[in-house]
């Protein structure tokens, strides 16, 4: 049952384009059920939190 828990992957970057590229790579190489994607911006730092579950 622990494999069905919600997990969080955090990406940080100074530029939004690099951050989007990291997010697209994460989506394309992994087969997860993505629940929610939250984007935050603190001064010059951009943060994306991806909440997901394993499909197994």
Protein backbone atom coordinates (compact mmCIF):
# COMPACT_ATOMS: atom_id res chain seq x y z
CA UNK A 1 0.00 0.00 0.00
CA UNK A 2 2.81 2.53 0.56
CA UNK A 3 3.48 2.62 -3.19
CA UNK A 4 0.10 4.35 -3.69
CA UNK A 5 0.96 7.27 -1.43
CA UNK A 6 1.24 10.72 -2.93
CA UNK A 7 4.83 11.77 -3.54
CA UNK A 8 6.33 15.18 -4.26
CA UNK A 9 9.13 16.04 -6.66
CA UNK A 10 10.51 19.58 -6.44
CA UNK A 11 12.37 21.37 -9.22
CA UNK A 12 14.18 24.68 -8.73
CA UNK A 13 15.66 26.98 -11.32
CA UNK A 14 16.49 30.62 -11.93
CA UNK A 15 14.92 30.68 -15.38
CA UNK A 16 11.40 29.59 -16.20
CA UNK A 17 12.43 28.02 -19.51
CA UNK A 18 14.89 25.65 -17.82
CA UNK A 19 12.29 24.85 -15.20
CA UNK A 20 9.71 23.96 -17.86
CA UNK A 21 12.27 21.80 -19.62
CA UNK A 22 12.97 19.89 -16.38
CA UNK A 23 9.25 19.42 -15.86
CA UNK A 24 8.72 18.13 -19.42
CA UNK A 25 11.63 15.70 -19.04
CA UNK A 26 10.16 14.41 -15.78
CA UNK A 27 6.77 13.89 -17.44
CA UNK A 28 8.16 12.16 -20.51
CA UNK A 29 10.56 9.73 -18.80
CA UNK A 30 8.25 8.63 -15.99
CA UNK A 31 4.83 7.03 -16.10
CA UNK A 32 3.18 8.51 -13.04
CA UNK A 33 -0.34 9.66 -12.34
CA UNK A 34 0.27 13.38 -11.86
CA UNK A 35 -2.25 14.80 -9.43
CA UNK A 36 -1.26 18.44 -9.22
CA UNK A 37 1.49 20.82 -10.31
CA UNK A 38 2.15 23.90 -8.17
CA UNK A 39 4.34 26.75 -9.34
CA UNK A 40 5.94 29.28 -6.98
CA UNK A 41 8.21 32.24 -7.56
CA UNK A 42 10.41 33.78 -4.87
CA UNK A 43 12.39 36.78 -6.10
CA UNK A 44 14.64 35.19 -8.75
CA UNK A 45 14.00 31.56 -7.84
CA UNK A 46 11.26 29.59 -9.58
CA UNK A 47 9.97 26.41 -7.97
CA UNK A 48 7.68 23.68 -9.27
CA UNK A 49 6.22 20.99 -7.03
CA UNK A 50 4.79 17.92 -8.76
CA UNK A 51 2.43 15.75 -6.71
CA UNK A 52 2.14 12.26 -8.18
CA UNK A 53 1.36 8.59 -7.53
CA UNK A 54 3.02 5.50 -8.92
CA UNK A 55 0.88 3.58 -11.40
CA UNK A 56 1.85 0.21 -9.94
